[in-house]
Amino acid sequence: MTAARSSSPTDHPRPGLRERKKSRTREAIRSAAYDLIEEQGYDAATVDLIADRAEVSPSTVFRYFPTKEDIVLGDEHGDLLLAELRARPADEPWAQSLRQAIGAAAVLGAAGDPRVARLRARLAADVPAVRSRMRETMADTGRLLCRAVAERTGLPPDGLEARVHAMSLAGALMEVALYWAERGHEDDLHDLLDRAVTALEHGLPTENR
């Protein structure tokens, strides 16, 4: 997969002090959770321990993340993917836009840290509560993708065709994460994402029909 074009940090105004403080708190909570989970396992990494490690109160943790699973999974993936799709040229083939946007969003979503991407995928594969929450968040991502499909095609965002396509894509992204983790992260994630887009674009390989 070729490198995706993503928005430069200079394209956006610098956040205010309040937003920067909130962002630092969110990242402190996530970092504490990731470290504790790797040290003690998912179940042992309680919200109380995460709060203590991040030097905030448990109520602060829940103010930023409704559930423990949300700390692990994050909440920015759908927005990132939508922004990257909107940044692609309007006359670019849709499959190419998907490949570029998904690749860029995957990199940005892991904040450049491969450990985070692997940990999230492994927990989704191994922990039923995380996997269930991931399905819920991917449904939200699918609804966001309906907008991108509608903007590119002119179809109504709540129409059946846009919804089927967007939700198929959201489901494919989840299955890529699970497949990647189940195989011990041996495969290149971008190659798997590219294969998923190809499967959506062309269907099953002809030799398997």
N, C-alpha and C. Protein backbone atom coordinates (compact mmCIF):
# COMPACT_ATOMS: atom_id res chain seq x y z
N MET A 1 0.86 -1.19 0.00
CA MET A 1 0.00 0.00 0.00
C MET A 1 0.89 1.23 0.00
N THR A 2 0.62 2.18 -0.87
CA THR A 2 1.42 3.38 -0.93
C THR A 2 1.09 4.27 0.24
N ALA A 3 1.98 5.19 0.56
CA ALA A 3 1.77 6.07 1.69
C ALA A 3 0.56 6.96 1.45
N ALA A 4 -0.22 7.13 2.48
CA ALA A 4 -1.42 7.93 2.35
C ALA A 4 -1.13 9.38 2.65
N ARG A 5 -1.83 10.25 1.97
CA ARG A 5 -1.70 11.67 2.24
C ARG A 5 -2.63 12.03 3.39
N SER A 6 -2.08 12.59 4.43
CA SER A 6 -2.89 12.99 5.57
C SER A 6 -2.72 14.47 5.83
N SER A 7 -3.61 15.00 6.64
CA SER A 7 -3.58 16.42 6.93
C SER A 7 -2.35 16.75 7.74
N SER A 8 -1.73 17.86 7.42
CA SER A 8 -0.59 18.32 8.19
C SER A 8 -1.06 18.99 9.46
N PRO A 9 -0.27 18.90 10.57
CA PRO A 9 -0.67 19.58 11.79
C PRO A 9 -0.84 21.07 11.60
N THR A 10 -0.14 21.65 10.60
CA THR A 10 -0.26 23.08 10.38
C THR A 10 -1.57 23.45 9.71
N ASP A 11 -2.32 22.44 9.28
CA ASP A 11 -3.60 22.73 8.63
C ASP A 11 -4.67 23.13 9.65
N HIS A 12 -4.42 22.89 10.95
CA HIS A 12 -5.43 23.12 11.96
C HIS A 12 -4.91 24.12 12.99
N PRO A 13 -5.76 24.98 13.53
CA PRO A 13 -5.32 25.93 14.55
C PRO A 13 -4.90 25.19 15.82
N ARG A 14 -3.95 25.76 16.54
CA ARG A 14 -3.48 25.15 17.79
C ARG A 14 -4.61 25.17 18.81
N PRO A 15 -4.85 24.04 19.48
CA PRO A 15 -5.92 24.01 20.48
C PRO A 15 -5.63 24.97 21.63
N GLY A 16 -6.68 25.44 22.30
CA GLY A 16 -6.52 26.31 23.44
C GLY A 16 -5.99 25.55 24.64
N LEU A 17 -5.66 26.29 25.70
CA LEU A 17 -5.08 25.70 26.90
C LEU A 17 -5.99 24.65 27.50
N ARG A 18 -7.29 24.93 27.56
CA ARG A 18 -8.24 23.97 28.14
C ARG A 18 -8.25 22.66 27.37
N GLU A 19 -8.26 22.75 26.04
CA GLU A 19 -8.27 21.54 25.23
C GLU A 19 -6.96 20.78 25.35
N ARG A 20 -5.85 21.49 25.46
CA ARG A 20 -4.56 20.82 25.62
C ARG A 20 -4.49 20.08 26.95
N LYS A 21 -5.04 20.68 28.01
CA LYS A 21 -5.06 20.01 29.30
C LYS A 21 -5.93 18.76 29.25
N LYS A 22 -7.07 18.86 28.59
CA LYS A 22 -7.95 17.70 28.47
C LYS A 22 -7.26 16.59 27.68
N SER A 23 -6.57 16.97 26.61
CA SER A 23 -5.87 15.99 25.79
C SER A 23 -4.77 15.29 26.59
N ARG A 24 -4.04 16.06 27.40
CA ARG A 24 -2.98 15.46 28.22
C ARG A 24 -3.57 14.49 29.24
N THR A 25 -4.72 14.86 29.81
CA THR A 25 -5.36 13.97 30.79
C THR A 25 -5.81 12.68 30.13
N ARG A 26 -6.42 12.78 28.96
CA ARG A 26 -6.86 11.58 28.24
C ARG A 26 -5.69 10.66 27.94
N GLU A 27 -4.59 11.25 27.48
CA GLU A 27 -3.44 10.44 27.12
C GLU A 27 -2.78 9.84 28.36
N ALA A 28 -2.80 10.55 29.48
CA ALA A 28 -2.25 10.01 30.72
C ALA A 28 -3.05 8.79 31.16
N ILE A 29 -4.37 8.88 31.05
CA ILE A 29 -5.23 7.76 31.43
C ILE A 29 -4.99 6.57 30.51
N ARG A 30 -4.92 6.83 29.21
CA ARG A 30 -4.68 5.74 28.26
C ARG A 30 -3.32 5.10 28.49
N SER A 31 -2.30 5.90 28.66
CA SER A 31 -0.97 5.38 28.87
C SER A 31 -0.91 4.52 30.13
N ALA A 32 -1.56 4.99 31.19
CA ALA A 32 -1.60 4.22 32.43
C ALA A 32 -2.31 2.89 32.21
N ALA A 33 -3.40 2.92 31.47
CA ALA A 33 -4.15 1.68 31.20
C ALA A 33 -3.32 0.71 30.39
N TYR A 34 -2.68 1.19 29.34
CA TYR A 34 -1.87 0.30 28.50
C TYR A 34 -0.76 -0.36 29.33
N ASP A 35 -0.08 0.45 30.15
CA ASP A 35 1.03 -0.09 30.94
C ASP A 35 0.53 -1.13 31.95
N LEU A 36 -0.56 -0.82 32.64
CA LEU A 36 -1.08 -1.75 33.64
C LEU A 36 -1.57 -3.05 33.00
N ILE A 37 -2.22 -2.93 31.86
CA ILE A 37 -2.72 -4.14 31.18
C ILE A 37 -1.56 -5.03 30.76
N GLU A 38 -0.50 -4.44 30.26
CA GLU A 38 0.66 -5.23 29.86
C GLU A 38 1.35 -5.85 31.08
N GLU A 39 1.33 -5.14 32.21
CA GLU A 39 1.98 -5.65 33.42
C GLU A 39 1.15 -6.70 34.13
N GLN A 40 -0.18 -6.48 34.22
CA GLN A 40 -1.01 -7.30 35.10
C GLN A 40 -2.14 -8.04 34.39
N GLY A 41 -2.40 -7.72 33.14
CA GLY A 41 -3.52 -8.32 32.44
C GLY A 41 -4.73 -7.41 32.48
N TYR A 42 -5.67 -7.67 31.57
CA TYR A 42 -6.81 -6.76 31.42
C TYR A 42 -7.69 -6.72 32.66
N ASP A 43 -8.08 -7.86 33.18
CA ASP A 43 -9.00 -7.90 34.32
C ASP A 43 -8.39 -7.27 35.56
N ALA A 44 -7.10 -7.49 35.79
CA ALA A 44 -6.45 -6.96 36.99
C ALA A 44 -6.24 -5.45 36.93
N ALA A 45 -6.22 -4.90 35.72
CA ALA A 45 -6.02 -3.46 35.56
C ALA A 45 -7.35 -2.74 35.78
N THR A 46 -7.73 -2.56 37.04
CA THR A 46 -9.01 -1.95 37.37
C THR A 46 -8.98 -0.45 37.12
N VAL A 47 -10.15 0.14 37.06
CA VAL A 47 -10.24 1.58 36.87
C VAL A 47 -9.57 2.32 38.03
N ASP A 48 -9.72 1.80 39.25
CA ASP A 48 -9.07 2.43 40.40
C ASP A 48 -7.55 2.45 40.24
N LEU A 49 -6.98 1.34 39.78
CA LEU A 49 -5.54 1.29 39.56
C LEU A 49 -5.11 2.21 38.42
N ILE A 50 -5.91 2.23 37.37
CA ILE A 50 -5.60 3.12 36.24
C ILE A 50 -5.61 4.57 36.69
N ALA A 51 -6.62 4.93 37.47
CA ALA A 51 -6.73 6.30 37.98
C ALA A 51 -5.53 6.66 38.84
N ASP A 52 -5.15 5.73 39.73
CA ASP A 52 -4.01 5.99 40.61
C ASP A 52 -2.73 6.17 39.81
N ARG A 53 -2.53 5.31 38.79
CA ARG A 53 -1.32 5.41 37.97
C ARG A 53 -1.30 6.73 37.18
N ALA A 54 -2.47 7.16 36.73
CA ALA A 54 -2.55 8.40 35.95
C ALA A 54 -2.64 9.65 36.83
N GLU A 55 -2.74 9.46 38.15
CA GLU A 55 -2.82 10.54 39.13
C GLU A 55 -4.07 11.39 38.92
N VAL A 56 -5.18 10.69 38.71
CA VAL A 56 -6.49 11.34 38.64
C VAL A 56 -7.45 10.49 39.48
N SER A 57 -8.66 10.97 39.65
CA SER A 57 -9.66 10.22 40.40
C SER A 57 -10.40 9.26 39.47
N PRO A 58 -10.98 8.18 40.03
CA PRO A 58 -11.79 7.28 39.19
C PRO A 58 -12.93 8.02 38.49
N SER A 59 -13.51 9.02 39.17
CA SER A 59 -14.60 9.77 38.52
C SER A 59 -14.08 10.54 37.31
N THR A 60 -12.83 10.98 37.36
CA THR A 60 -12.24 11.67 36.21
C THR A 60 -12.06 10.69 35.05
N VAL A 61 -11.64 9.47 35.36
CA VAL A 61 -11.50 8.45 34.31
C VAL A 61 -12.83 8.27 33.60
N PHE A 62 -13.91 8.13 34.38
CA PHE A 62 -15.21 7.89 33.77
C PHE A 62 -15.77 9.14 33.08
N ARG A 63 -15.28 10.30 33.46
CA ARG A 63 -15.70 11.51 32.76
C ARG A 63 -15.13 11.55 31.35
N TYR A 64 -13.95 10.99 31.19
CA TYR A 64 -13.32 10.96 29.87
C TYR A 64 -13.68 9.71 29.08
N PHE A 65 -13.91 8.60 29.77
CA PHE A 65 -14.19 7.33 29.11
C PHE A 65 -15.35 6.65 29.82
N PRO A 66 -16.48 6.46 29.14
CA PRO A 66 -17.66 5.86 29.78
C PRO A 66 -17.42 4.47 30.34
N THR A 67 -16.56 3.68 29.69
CA THR A 67 -16.27 2.33 30.16
C THR A 67 -14.77 2.08 30.08
N LYS A 68 -14.31 1.05 30.79
CA LYS A 68 -12.89 0.68 30.71
C LYS A 68 -12.52 0.29 29.30
N GLU A 69 -13.44 -0.37 28.60
CA GLU A 69 -13.17 -0.77 27.23
C GLU A 69 -12.90 0.43 26.32
N ASP A 70 -13.56 1.55 26.60
CA ASP A 70 -13.34 2.74 25.79
C ASP A 70 -11.93 3.29 25.96
N ILE A 71 -11.34 3.10 27.14
CA ILE A 71 -9.96 3.54 27.33
C ILE A 71 -9.05 2.81 26.36
N VAL A 72 -9.27 1.51 26.24
CA VAL A 72 -8.43 0.68 25.39
C VAL A 72 -8.62 1.01 23.92
N LEU A 73 -9.87 1.09 23.51
CA LEU A 73 -10.17 1.19 22.09
C LEU A 73 -10.02 2.59 21.54
N GLY A 74 -10.19 3.59 22.37
CA GLY A 74 -10.17 4.95 21.86
C GLY A 74 -11.49 5.29 21.18
N ASP A 75 -11.65 6.54 20.80
CA ASP A 75 -12.92 6.97 20.23
C ASP A 75 -12.75 7.83 18.99
N GLU A 76 -11.53 7.83 18.45
CA GLU A 76 -11.24 8.78 17.37
C GLU A 76 -11.20 8.16 15.99
N HIS A 77 -11.32 6.83 15.89
CA HIS A 77 -11.06 6.17 14.62
C HIS A 77 -12.02 6.58 13.51
N GLY A 78 -13.33 6.62 13.84
CA GLY A 78 -14.30 7.00 12.83
C GLY A 78 -14.08 8.41 12.32
N ASP A 79 -13.81 9.33 13.23
CA ASP A 79 -13.58 10.71 12.85
C ASP A 79 -12.32 10.84 11.99
N LEU A 80 -11.28 10.10 12.37
CA LEU A 80 -10.04 10.14 11.59
C LEU A 80 -10.27 9.64 10.17
N LEU A 81 -10.97 8.52 10.06
CA LEU A 81 -11.22 7.95 8.74
C LEU A 81 -12.09 8.87 7.90
N LEU A 82 -13.11 9.46 8.50
CA LEU A 82 -13.97 10.39 7.77
C LEU A 82 -13.17 11.59 7.28
N ALA A 83 -12.32 12.14 8.14
CA ALA A 83 -11.50 13.29 7.74
C ALA A 83 -10.55 12.93 6.61
N GLU A 84 -9.94 11.76 6.68
CA GLU A 84 -9.01 11.35 5.63
C GLU A 84 -9.74 11.11 4.30
N LEU A 85 -10.93 10.53 4.35
CA LEU A 85 -11.71 10.33 3.12
C LEU A 85 -12.09 11.67 2.50
N ARG A 86 -12.47 12.61 3.34
CA ARG A 86 -12.86 13.92 2.83
C ARG A 86 -11.68 14.68 2.23
N ALA A 87 -10.46 14.32 2.67
CA ALA A 87 -9.27 14.99 2.15
C ALA A 87 -8.83 14.44 0.80
N ARG A 88 -9.37 13.31 0.39
CA ARG A 88 -8.98 12.72 -0.88
C ARG A 88 -9.61 13.49 -2.05
N PRO A 89 -8.97 13.49 -3.23
CA PRO A 89 -9.53 14.20 -4.38
C PRO A 89 -10.90 13.64 -4.77
N ALA A 90 -11.81 14.53 -5.13
CA ALA A 90 -13.17 14.12 -5.43
C ALA A 90 -13.25 13.21 -6.65
N ASP A 91 -12.29 13.32 -7.57
CA ASP A 91 -12.33 12.50 -8.78
C ASP A 91 -11.49 11.23 -8.67
N GLU A 92 -10.96 10.97 -7.52
CA GLU A 92 -10.16 9.76 -7.32
C GLU A 92 -11.09 8.55 -7.23
N PRO A 93 -10.71 7.41 -7.81
CA PRO A 93 -11.54 6.21 -7.67
C PRO A 93 -11.78 5.90 -6.19
N TRP A 94 -13.01 5.48 -5.90
CA TRP A 94 -13.40 5.28 -4.51
C TRP A 94 -12.51 4.26 -3.80
N ALA A 95 -12.18 3.15 -4.47
CA ALA A 95 -11.34 2.14 -3.84
C ALA A 95 -9.97 2.70 -3.48
N GLN A 96 -9.42 3.55 -4.35
CA GLN A 96 -8.12 4.15 -4.07
C GLN A 96 -8.23 5.10 -2.89
N SER A 97 -9.31 5.87 -2.84
CA SER A 97 -9.52 6.75 -1.69
C SER A 97 -9.59 5.96 -0.39
N LEU A 98 -10.29 4.84 -0.43
CA LEU A 98 -10.40 3.99 0.76
C LEU A 98 -9.03 3.50 1.20
N ARG A 99 -8.24 3.01 0.24
CA ARG A 99 -6.93 2.48 0.60
C ARG A 99 -6.06 3.56 1.25
N GLN A 100 -6.03 4.71 0.66
CA GLN A 100 -5.20 5.79 1.19
C GLN A 100 -5.71 6.28 2.53
N ALA A 101 -7.02 6.48 2.64
CA ALA A 101 -7.59 7.02 3.87
C ALA A 101 -7.48 6.04 5.02
N ILE A 102 -7.75 4.76 4.76
CA ILE A 102 -7.65 3.75 5.81
C ILE A 102 -6.22 3.63 6.30
N GLY A 103 -5.27 3.65 5.38
CA GLY A 103 -3.87 3.57 5.79
C GLY A 103 -3.46 4.74 6.65
N ALA A 104 -3.87 5.94 6.26
CA ALA A 104 -3.53 7.13 7.04
C ALA A 104 -4.20 7.10 8.41
N ALA A 105 -5.47 6.73 8.44
CA ALA A 105 -6.19 6.69 9.71
C ALA A 105 -5.61 5.64 10.65
N ALA A 106 -5.17 4.51 10.10
CA ALA A 106 -4.57 3.47 10.93
C ALA A 106 -3.30 3.96 11.60
N VAL A 107 -2.49 4.70 10.85
CA VAL A 107 -1.25 5.24 11.41
C VAL A 107 -1.56 6.29 12.48
N LEU A 108 -2.45 7.21 12.17
CA LEU A 108 -2.77 8.27 13.12
C LEU A 108 -3.48 7.72 14.35
N GLY A 109 -4.34 6.72 14.15
CA GLY A 109 -5.09 6.16 15.27
C GLY A 109 -4.21 5.49 16.30
N ALA A 110 -3.09 4.95 15.88
CA ALA A 110 -2.15 4.33 16.81
C ALA A 110 -1.13 5.32 17.33
N ALA A 111 -1.30 6.59 16.96
CA ALA A 111 -0.40 7.65 17.42
C ALA A 111 1.07 7.33 17.13
N GLY A 112 1.27 6.61 16.02
CA GLY A 112 2.63 6.27 15.65
C GLY A 112 3.26 5.21 16.53
N ASP A 113 2.50 4.57 17.42
CA ASP A 113 3.03 3.59 18.35
C ASP A 113 2.52 2.20 17.99
N PRO A 114 3.34 1.36 17.37
CA PRO A 114 2.87 0.02 16.99
C PRO A 114 2.40 -0.80 18.19
N ARG A 115 2.98 -0.56 19.37
CA ARG A 115 2.57 -1.29 20.56
C ARG A 115 1.09 -1.08 20.84
N VAL A 116 0.61 0.15 20.67
CA VAL A 116 -0.78 0.46 20.95
C VAL A 116 -1.69 -0.28 19.99
N ALA A 117 -1.34 -0.27 18.71
CA ALA A 117 -2.17 -0.95 17.71
C ALA A 117 -2.23 -2.45 17.99
N ARG A 118 -1.10 -3.05 18.34
CA ARG A 118 -1.08 -4.49 18.63
C ARG A 118 -1.88 -4.81 19.89
N LEU A 119 -1.72 -3.99 20.92
CA LEU A 119 -2.43 -4.23 22.18
C LEU A 119 -3.94 -4.14 21.98
N ARG A 120 -4.40 -3.13 21.27
CA ARG A 120 -5.83 -2.97 21.03
C ARG A 120 -6.39 -4.18 20.28
N ALA A 121 -5.68 -4.58 19.24
CA ALA A 121 -6.16 -5.72 18.44
C ALA A 121 -6.16 -7.00 19.27
N ARG A 122 -5.11 -7.22 20.06
CA ARG A 122 -5.04 -8.44 20.87
C ARG A 122 -6.15 -8.49 21.90
N LEU A 123 -6.43 -7.36 22.55
CA LEU A 123 -7.50 -7.35 23.55
C LEU A 123 -8.86 -7.57 22.89
N ALA A 124 -9.06 -7.01 21.71
CA ALA A 124 -10.33 -7.24 21.01
C ALA A 124 -10.51 -8.71 20.68
N ALA A 125 -9.41 -9.37 20.34
CA ALA A 125 -9.49 -10.79 20.00
C ALA A 125 -9.66 -11.67 21.24
N ASP A 126 -9.06 -11.26 22.37
CA ASP A 126 -8.99 -12.13 23.55
C ASP A 126 -10.04 -11.84 24.62
N VAL A 127 -10.53 -10.60 24.69
CA VAL A 127 -11.41 -10.20 25.79
C VAL A 127 -12.82 -9.93 25.24
N PRO A 128 -13.80 -10.75 25.60
CA PRO A 128 -15.16 -10.59 25.05
C PRO A 128 -15.73 -9.19 25.26
N ALA A 129 -15.50 -8.59 26.42
CA ALA A 129 -16.06 -7.26 26.68
C ALA A 129 -15.47 -6.22 25.74
N VAL A 130 -14.18 -6.33 25.47
CA VAL A 130 -13.55 -5.40 24.54
C VAL A 130 -14.06 -5.62 23.12
N ARG A 131 -14.19 -6.90 22.74
CA ARG A 131 -14.70 -7.21 21.40
C ARG A 131 -16.13 -6.70 21.21
N SER A 132 -16.95 -6.87 22.23
CA SER A 132 -18.33 -6.38 22.15
C SER A 132 -18.38 -4.87 22.02
N ARG A 133 -17.56 -4.19 22.79
CA ARG A 133 -17.53 -2.72 22.70
C ARG A 133 -16.98 -2.27 21.35
N MET A 134 -16.03 -3.04 20.83
CA MET A 134 -15.49 -2.71 19.52
C MET A 134 -16.57 -2.78 18.45
N ARG A 135 -17.44 -3.79 18.55
CA ARG A 135 -18.54 -3.88 17.59
C ARG A 135 -19.44 -2.66 17.67
N GLU A 136 -19.70 -2.17 18.88
CA GLU A 136 -20.53 -0.99 19.05
C GLU A 136 -19.87 0.24 18.44
N THR A 137 -18.58 0.40 18.69
CA THR A 137 -17.89 1.57 18.15
C THR A 137 -17.76 1.49 16.63
N MET A 138 -17.60 0.28 16.08
CA MET A 138 -17.52 0.16 14.64
C MET A 138 -18.86 0.46 13.98
N ALA A 139 -19.95 0.19 14.70
CA ALA A 139 -21.26 0.59 14.17
C ALA A 139 -21.34 2.10 14.07
N ASP A 140 -20.79 2.81 15.07
CA ASP A 140 -20.74 4.27 15.01
C ASP A 140 -19.87 4.72 13.83
N THR A 141 -18.75 4.02 13.64
CA THR A 141 -17.89 4.34 12.51
C THR A 141 -18.63 4.15 11.19
N GLY A 142 -19.42 3.09 11.10
CA GLY A 142 -20.20 2.85 9.89
C GLY A 142 -21.15 3.99 9.59
N ARG A 143 -21.78 4.52 10.63
CA ARG A 143 -22.70 5.65 10.41
C ARG A 143 -21.95 6.88 9.92
N LEU A 144 -20.74 7.10 10.42
CA LEU A 144 -19.94 8.21 9.91
C LEU A 144 -19.54 7.98 8.46
N LEU A 145 -19.22 6.73 8.14
CA LEU A 145 -18.83 6.42 6.76
C LEU A 145 -19.98 6.62 5.78
N CYS A 146 -21.21 6.47 6.27
CA CYS A 146 -22.36 6.75 5.39
C CYS A 146 -22.29 8.17 4.84
N ARG A 147 -21.82 9.07 5.65
CA ARG A 147 -21.70 10.47 5.19
C ARG A 147 -20.68 10.57 4.06
N ALA A 148 -19.54 9.90 4.24
CA ALA A 148 -18.51 9.96 3.20
C ALA A 148 -19.00 9.34 1.90
N VAL A 149 -19.71 8.22 2.01
CA VAL A 149 -20.27 7.57 0.81
C VAL A 149 -21.26 8.51 0.13
N ALA A 150 -22.10 9.13 0.93
CA ALA A 150 -23.11 10.04 0.37
C ALA A 150 -22.46 11.25 -0.30
N GLU A 151 -21.44 11.79 0.34
CA GLU A 151 -20.77 12.96 -0.22
C GLU A 151 -20.10 12.64 -1.55
N ARG A 152 -19.53 11.44 -1.67
CA ARG A 152 -18.82 11.08 -2.89
C ARG A 152 -19.77 10.65 -4.00
N THR A 153 -20.87 9.98 -3.66
CA THR A 153 -21.74 9.39 -4.68
C THR A 153 -23.02 10.17 -4.94
N GLY A 154 -23.41 11.02 -4.01
CA GLY A 154 -24.69 11.71 -4.14
C GLY A 154 -25.86 10.89 -3.64
N LEU A 155 -25.60 9.68 -3.17
CA LEU A 155 -26.67 8.86 -2.59
C LEU A 155 -27.09 9.43 -1.24
N PRO A 156 -28.33 9.22 -0.83
CA PRO A 156 -28.74 9.67 0.49
C PRO A 156 -27.99 8.91 1.58
N PRO A 157 -27.48 9.59 2.62
CA PRO A 157 -26.68 8.90 3.64
C PRO A 157 -27.46 7.86 4.43
N ASP A 158 -28.79 7.99 4.45
CA ASP A 158 -29.60 7.00 5.17
C ASP A 158 -30.22 5.98 4.22
N GLY A 159 -29.80 6.00 2.96
CA GLY A 159 -30.32 5.04 1.99
C GLY A 159 -29.71 3.67 2.20
N LEU A 160 -30.38 2.65 1.70
CA LEU A 160 -29.94 1.28 1.92
C LEU A 160 -28.56 1.03 1.33
N GLU A 161 -28.32 1.49 0.10
CA GLU A 161 -27.04 1.20 -0.55
C GLU A 161 -25.88 1.80 0.22
N ALA A 162 -26.01 3.06 0.63
CA ALA A 162 -24.94 3.71 1.39
C ALA A 162 -24.72 3.00 2.72
N ARG A 163 -25.79 2.61 3.37
CA ARG A 163 -25.66 1.95 4.66
C ARG A 163 -25.02 0.57 4.54
N VAL A 164 -25.42 -0.19 3.53
CA VAL A 164 -24.84 -1.52 3.34
C VAL A 164 -23.34 -1.41 3.05
N HIS A 165 -22.97 -0.48 2.18
CA HIS A 165 -21.56 -0.33 1.84
C HIS A 165 -20.75 0.13 3.04
N ALA A 166 -21.24 1.14 3.75
CA ALA A 166 -20.51 1.69 4.88
C ALA A 166 -20.36 0.67 6.01
N MET A 167 -21.44 -0.05 6.31
CA MET A 167 -21.37 -1.03 7.39
C MET A 167 -20.52 -2.23 7.00
N SER A 168 -20.51 -2.57 5.72
CA SER A 168 -19.62 -3.64 5.26
C SER A 168 -18.17 -3.23 5.47
N LEU A 169 -17.86 -1.99 5.18
CA LEU A 169 -16.51 -1.49 5.37
C LEU A 169 -16.14 -1.48 6.84
N ALA A 170 -17.05 -1.01 7.69
CA ALA A 170 -16.78 -0.98 9.13
C ALA A 170 -16.53 -2.39 9.66
N GLY A 171 -17.36 -3.33 9.22
CA GLY A 171 -17.16 -4.72 9.63
C GLY A 171 -15.84 -5.28 9.15
N ALA A 172 -15.45 -4.91 7.94
CA ALA A 172 -14.18 -5.38 7.40
C ALA A 172 -13.00 -4.88 8.22
N LEU A 173 -13.07 -3.64 8.66
CA LEU A 173 -11.99 -3.07 9.47
C LEU A 173 -11.85 -3.82 10.80
N MET A 174 -12.98 -4.18 11.39
CA MET A 174 -12.93 -4.95 12.63
C MET A 174 -12.33 -6.33 12.40
N GLU A 175 -12.75 -6.99 11.34
CA GLU A 175 -12.23 -8.32 11.06
C GLU A 175 -10.73 -8.30 10.76
N VAL A 176 -10.26 -7.24 10.14
CA VAL A 176 -8.82 -7.11 9.91
C VAL A 176 -8.07 -7.08 11.24
N ALA A 177 -8.58 -6.29 12.19
CA ALA A 177 -7.92 -6.19 13.50
C ALA A 177 -7.90 -7.54 14.20
N LEU A 178 -9.03 -8.26 14.16
CA LEU A 178 -9.10 -9.56 14.82
C LEU A 178 -8.17 -10.57 14.14
N TYR A 179 -8.21 -10.60 12.80
CA TYR A 179 -7.37 -11.54 12.04
C TYR A 179 -5.89 -11.27 12.33
N TRP A 180 -5.52 -10.03 12.34
CA TRP A 180 -4.13 -9.62 12.60
C TRP A 180 -3.67 -10.12 13.97
N ALA A 181 -4.52 -9.92 14.99
CA ALA A 181 -4.16 -10.35 16.34
C ALA A 181 -4.13 -11.87 16.46
N GLU A 182 -5.12 -12.53 15.85
CA GLU A 182 -5.18 -14.00 15.94
C GLU A 182 -3.98 -14.68 15.32
N ARG A 183 -3.34 -14.02 14.38
CA ARG A 183 -2.15 -14.58 13.72
C ARG A 183 -0.87 -14.02 14.34
N GLY A 184 -0.97 -13.50 15.56
CA GLY A 184 0.21 -13.04 16.27
C GLY A 184 0.86 -11.81 15.69
N HIS A 185 0.10 -10.99 14.96
CA HIS A 185 0.60 -9.75 14.35
C HIS A 185 1.75 -10.03 13.39
N GLU A 186 1.76 -11.24 12.80
CA GLU A 186 2.83 -11.58 11.87
C GLU A 186 2.66 -10.87 10.52
N ASP A 187 1.43 -10.64 10.12
CA ASP A 187 1.17 -10.01 8.82
C ASP A 187 1.36 -8.50 8.90
N ASP A 188 1.65 -7.92 7.78
CA ASP A 188 1.72 -6.46 7.70
C ASP A 188 0.31 -5.89 7.73
N LEU A 189 0.03 -5.01 8.69
CA LEU A 189 -1.33 -4.50 8.86
C LEU A 189 -1.82 -3.78 7.61
N HIS A 190 -0.97 -3.01 6.99
CA HIS A 190 -1.40 -2.28 5.79
C HIS A 190 -1.73 -3.22 4.64
N ASP A 191 -1.00 -4.32 4.54
CA ASP A 191 -1.33 -5.30 3.51
C ASP A 191 -2.70 -5.93 3.77
N LEU A 192 -2.99 -6.21 5.04
CA LEU A 192 -4.30 -6.77 5.39
C LEU A 192 -5.42 -5.79 5.07
N LEU A 193 -5.20 -4.52 5.37
CA LEU A 193 -6.21 -3.51 5.07
C LEU A 193 -6.44 -3.41 3.56
N ASP A 194 -5.35 -3.49 2.81
CA ASP A 194 -5.45 -3.44 1.36
C ASP A 194 -6.24 -4.64 0.84
N ARG A 195 -5.98 -5.83 1.41
CA ARG A 195 -6.72 -7.03 1.00
C ARG A 195 -8.21 -6.90 1.32
N ALA A 196 -8.52 -6.26 2.44
CA ALA A 196 -9.92 -6.09 2.82
C ALA A 196 -10.64 -5.20 1.82
N VAL A 197 -9.99 -4.11 1.41
CA VAL A 197 -10.60 -3.22 0.43
C VAL A 197 -10.78 -3.96 -0.89
N THR A 198 -9.80 -4.76 -1.28
CA THR A 198 -9.90 -5.54 -2.52
C THR A 198 -11.08 -6.50 -2.46
N ALA A 199 -11.26 -7.15 -1.31
CA ALA A 199 -12.38 -8.09 -1.16
C ALA A 199 -13.71 -7.37 -1.27
N LEU A 200 -13.81 -6.17 -0.72
CA LEU A 200 -15.04 -5.40 -0.83
C LEU A 200 -15.27 -4.92 -2.27
N GLU A 201 -14.18 -4.60 -2.94
CA GLU A 201 -14.27 -4.06 -4.30
C GLU A 201 -14.61 -5.14 -5.32
N HIS A 202 -13.98 -6.32 -5.20
CA HIS A 202 -14.09 -7.35 -6.23
C HIS A 202 -14.79 -8.61 -5.77
N GLY A 203 -15.08 -8.74 -4.49
CA GLY A 203 -15.69 -9.97 -3.99
C GLY A 203 -14.66 -11.06 -3.77
N LEU A 204 -15.12 -12.29 -3.62
CA LEU A 204 -14.23 -13.41 -3.36
C LEU A 204 -13.35 -13.71 -4.58
N PRO A 205 -12.12 -14.22 -4.34
CA PRO A 205 -11.27 -14.62 -5.47
C PRO A 205 -11.99 -15.66 -6.34
N THR A 206 -11.81 -15.55 -7.64
CA THR A 206 -12.54 -16.40 -8.57
C THR A 206 -12.21 -17.88 -8.37
N GLU A 207 -10.97 -18.19 -7.94
CA GLU A 207 -10.60 -19.59 -7.81
C GLU A 207 -11.32 -20.27 -6.65
N ASN A 208 -11.92 -19.49 -5.77
CA ASN A 208 -12.63 -20.07 -4.62
C ASN A 208 -14.12 -20.17 -4.88
N ARG A 209 -14.59 -19.79 -6.04
CA ARG A 209 -16.02 -19.82 -6.33
C ARG A 209 -16.43 -21.18 -6.88
